Protein backbone atom coordinates (compact mmCIF):
# COMPACT_ATOMS: atom_id res chain seq x y z
CA MET A 1 142.66 76.59 149.24
CA GLY A 2 140.20 73.60 150.15
CA ALA A 3 136.64 73.39 148.77
CA ASN A 4 135.17 74.17 152.27
CA ALA A 5 136.97 77.42 152.51
CA PRO A 6 134.69 80.42 152.60
CA ARG A 7 135.46 83.85 151.08
CA ARG A 8 137.49 85.45 153.69
CA ALA A 9 137.80 89.04 155.23
CA LYS A 10 141.22 90.21 155.87
CA ILE A 11 143.23 87.47 158.00
CA PRO A 12 145.22 88.83 160.92
CA GLU A 13 148.97 88.53 160.06
CA SER A 14 149.50 86.86 163.45
CA ALA A 15 147.21 83.95 162.50
CA ILE A 16 149.07 83.51 159.34
CA ARG A 17 152.27 83.25 161.23
CA ARG A 18 150.91 80.68 163.53
CA LEU A 19 149.58 78.56 160.64
CA SER A 20 153.20 78.42 159.51
CA PHE A 21 154.18 77.08 162.98
CA TYR A 22 151.28 74.52 162.98
CA HIS A 23 152.41 73.33 159.47
CA ARG A 24 156.03 72.79 160.59
CA HIS A 25 154.87 70.97 163.68
CA LEU A 26 152.53 68.78 161.61
CA ARG A 27 155.38 67.89 159.31
CA ASP A 28 157.53 66.75 162.21
CA LEU A 29 154.70 64.71 163.60
CA GLN A 30 153.98 63.11 160.28
CA ALA A 31 157.67 62.25 160.04
CA LEU A 32 157.31 60.44 163.39
CA GLY A 33 154.21 58.65 162.13
CA VAL A 34 151.68 60.40 164.30
CA ALA A 35 148.21 59.99 162.77
CA THR A 36 145.89 62.41 164.70
CA ILE A 37 146.27 65.49 166.92
CA SER A 38 143.99 67.58 168.87
CA SER A 39 143.84 71.46 169.09
CA ARG A 40 144.91 71.34 172.77
CA GLU A 41 148.04 69.23 171.91
CA ILE A 42 148.93 71.85 169.08
CA ALA A 43 148.40 74.68 171.48
CA ARG A 44 150.56 73.31 174.14
CA VAL A 45 153.56 73.29 171.94
CA TYR A 46 153.33 77.00 171.23
CA GLY A 47 152.04 78.16 174.59
CA LEU A 48 148.56 78.98 173.25
CA GLU A 49 145.03 78.34 174.31
CA PRO A 50 143.16 75.54 172.36
CA PHE A 51 140.43 78.09 171.15
CA GLN A 52 143.15 80.11 169.44
CA VAL A 53 144.31 77.26 167.29
CA ARG A 54 140.63 76.48 166.41
CA LYS A 55 140.18 80.20 165.57
CA ASP A 56 143.19 80.33 163.41
CA LEU A 57 142.02 77.49 161.40
CA SER A 58 138.17 78.57 161.30
CA TYR A 59 139.44 81.54 158.94
CA PHE A 60 139.87 79.08 156.33
CA GLY A 61 137.01 76.61 156.72
CA SER A 62 136.19 73.40 158.62
CA PHE A 63 138.95 71.12 159.75
CA GLY A 64 138.58 67.85 161.63
CA ARG A 65 135.60 66.66 163.69
CA ARG A 66 134.77 67.76 167.27
CA GLY A 67 136.06 65.36 169.91
CA ARG A 68 138.19 63.49 167.25
CA GLY A 69 140.94 65.95 166.53
CA TYR A 70 142.83 66.41 163.24
CA ALA A 71 144.18 63.90 160.82
CA VAL A 72 147.86 65.08 160.78
CA SER A 73 148.57 64.36 157.18
CA ARG A 74 145.42 65.98 155.84
CA LEU A 75 145.77 69.06 157.97
CA ARG A 76 149.45 69.55 157.02
CA GLN A 77 148.38 69.17 153.35
CA ARG A 78 145.63 71.90 153.73
CA LEU A 79 147.81 74.24 155.56
CA GLY A 80 150.39 73.85 152.84
CA LEU A 81 147.85 74.79 150.19
CA ILE A 82 146.66 77.81 152.21
CA LEU A 83 150.13 78.92 152.78
CA GLY A 84 150.98 78.51 149.03
CA LEU A 85 153.64 75.88 149.98
CA ASP A 86 152.46 73.54 147.24
CA SER A 87 154.37 75.56 144.64
CA GLU A 88 158.21 76.51 144.39
CA TRP A 89 158.99 80.06 145.04
CA ARG A 90 162.17 81.46 143.47
CA MET A 91 163.98 84.01 145.60
CA ALA A 92 166.53 86.75 144.97
CA LEU A 93 169.06 87.33 147.71
CA VAL A 94 170.56 90.86 147.94
CA GLY A 95 173.75 90.77 150.09
CA ALA A 96 176.57 88.35 149.91
CA GLY A 97 178.24 89.20 153.30
CA ASN A 98 178.14 87.04 156.46
CA ILE A 99 174.35 87.29 157.00
CA GLY A 100 173.53 86.73 153.36
CA MET A 101 175.81 83.75 153.18
CA ALA A 102 174.17 82.17 156.31
CA ILE A 103 170.71 82.64 154.84
CA PHE A 104 171.94 81.19 151.46
CA ARG A 105 173.36 78.06 153.07
CA TYR A 106 170.31 77.60 155.49
CA GLN A 107 168.61 74.42 154.17
CA GLU A 108 165.26 74.36 155.89
CA TYR A 109 163.39 76.73 153.51
CA ARG A 110 164.24 74.40 150.66
CA ARG A 111 162.14 71.78 152.14
CA LEU A 112 159.11 74.18 151.99
CA GLY A 113 159.54 75.06 148.26
CA PHE A 114 161.66 78.21 148.53
CA ARG A 115 164.73 78.37 146.53
CA ILE A 116 167.33 81.22 146.14
CA ALA A 117 167.79 81.48 142.27
CA ALA A 118 170.18 84.50 142.26
CA VAL A 119 172.57 86.44 144.66
CA PHE A 120 173.44 89.97 144.12
CA ASP A 121 175.92 92.46 145.73
CA ALA A 122 177.31 95.86 145.22
CA ASP A 123 180.79 95.00 146.31
CA PRO A 124 182.97 94.41 143.35
CA ASP A 125 185.08 92.06 145.42
CA LYS A 126 182.06 89.77 146.04
CA VAL A 127 180.68 89.90 142.46
CA GLY A 128 181.78 86.79 140.51
CA ARG A 129 182.22 84.52 143.68
CA GLU A 130 180.93 81.02 142.90
CA LEU A 131 178.61 79.65 145.46
CA GLU A 132 176.86 76.34 146.02
CA HIS A 133 174.03 75.16 143.70
CA GLY A 134 175.73 76.61 140.53
CA ILE A 135 175.09 80.13 141.65
CA THR A 136 177.47 83.03 141.10
CA VAL A 137 177.16 86.45 142.90
CA GLU A 138 175.91 89.10 140.33
CA PRO A 139 176.14 92.76 140.28
CA MET A 140 173.19 94.88 141.35
CA GLU A 141 172.46 96.08 137.87
CA ARG A 142 171.51 92.26 137.00
CA ILE A 143 168.51 92.31 139.36
CA GLY A 144 166.07 93.46 136.82
CA PRO A 145 166.98 90.94 134.03
CA ALA A 146 167.39 88.12 136.48
CA VAL A 147 163.99 88.48 137.90
CA GLY A 148 162.40 88.28 134.54
CA GLU A 149 164.64 85.52 133.20
CA GLN A 150 164.18 83.21 136.28
CA ASP A 151 160.63 83.97 137.39
CA ILE A 152 161.83 85.33 140.78
CA ARG A 153 159.04 86.31 143.01
CA ILE A 154 160.42 87.01 146.34
CA GLY A 155 163.35 89.33 147.50
CA ILE A 156 165.56 88.91 150.47
CA VAL A 157 167.54 92.04 151.70
CA ALA A 158 170.60 91.23 153.81
CA VAL A 159 172.80 94.27 153.58
CA PRO A 160 173.92 96.89 156.03
CA PRO A 161 170.98 99.36 157.04
CA GLU A 162 172.47 102.29 154.99
CA ALA A 163 172.14 100.12 151.70
CA ALA A 164 168.87 98.70 152.55
CA GLN A 165 166.61 101.21 150.74
CA ASN A 166 168.72 101.00 147.64
CA ALA A 167 168.35 97.16 147.71
CA VAL A 168 164.53 97.37 148.26
CA ASP A 169 164.31 99.97 145.35
CA ALA A 170 166.13 97.72 143.04
CA LEU A 171 163.97 94.70 143.80
CA THR A 172 160.59 96.75 143.52
CA ALA A 173 161.73 98.28 140.33
CA ALA A 174 162.41 94.81 139.01
CA GLY A 175 158.79 93.87 139.81
CA ILE A 176 159.25 92.13 143.25
CA THR A 177 156.16 92.38 145.38
CA ALA A 178 157.33 90.36 148.36
CA ILE A 179 160.34 91.24 150.44
CA LEU A 180 162.01 90.04 153.53
CA SER A 181 164.36 92.38 155.08
CA PHE A 182 167.02 91.55 157.72
CA PRO A 183 168.86 94.76 158.52
CA GLY A 184 167.51 97.13 161.08
CA GLY A 185 166.37 100.58 160.17
CA GLN A 186 163.28 101.64 158.11
CA VAL A 187 162.71 101.26 154.49
CA LEU A 188 159.84 102.47 152.18
CA VAL A 189 158.02 100.38 149.70
CA PRO A 190 155.12 100.95 147.34
CA LYS A 191 151.51 100.17 148.57
CA ASP A 192 151.42 97.02 146.60
CA VAL A 193 154.58 95.52 147.99
CA ALA A 194 154.56 93.28 151.13
CA LEU A 195 157.46 94.01 153.31
CA ARG A 196 158.35 91.74 156.26
CA ARG A 197 161.43 92.69 158.65
CA VAL A 198 163.29 90.31 160.69
CA SER A 199 163.90 92.13 163.98
CA LEU A 200 166.31 90.56 166.47
CA GLU A 201 165.71 93.66 168.75
CA ALA A 202 161.95 92.83 168.93
CA ASP A 203 162.58 89.23 169.63
CA LEU A 204 165.11 89.92 172.26
CA ALA A 205 162.85 92.51 173.87
CA ALA A 206 160.00 89.88 173.95
CA LEU A 207 162.45 87.42 175.79
CA SER A 208 163.46 90.30 178.23
CA TYR A 209 159.75 90.87 179.04
CA PHE A 210 159.33 87.11 179.64
CA LEU A 211 162.38 87.04 182.06
CA ALA A 212 161.28 90.28 183.81
CA ASN A 213 157.78 89.12 184.47
CA LYS A 214 158.52 85.51 185.47
């Protein structure tokens, strides 16, 4: 975090999510050679009001100058620091089925410093399969040792709903405190574990609302 950032109260998760969107947009603008951008221009991309962009940034200190906008490269760098994207984060993927392999082969997150370092599955037919990047699917019993050996900090759960709790339990028992879960259904985690669920149903409901209220 930059030197101008004050001590913060709890930041709304929605603001953190928007910061990640801003960072991605700034990365694209920087690649196009755009030097400056205003809060109004950022807001327009995401269907927001300019004050929302300014409020989201204000949680973390002072950015830009009034009337002059933001320097794209500097703002992207500072948001990257705030979001922890200046470090490489090693991840464990639990689930080597169709969803798991789609996640494994998705390249975009690697550009942000996230790397799947190990893949696990409970299916004996999948264990031992050789994947790209020199990774082999390992049995679930290897989660604990692998987390310690490879300094894995994030877990991704991509298994059927009925197997999700076992996968989450194995990750938390290994010391993982940040988990992204793809299947539906509810899982329980200890209080010190951050769990984020990817919900296709919620996103489709949001699109349905948009269409129904057009």
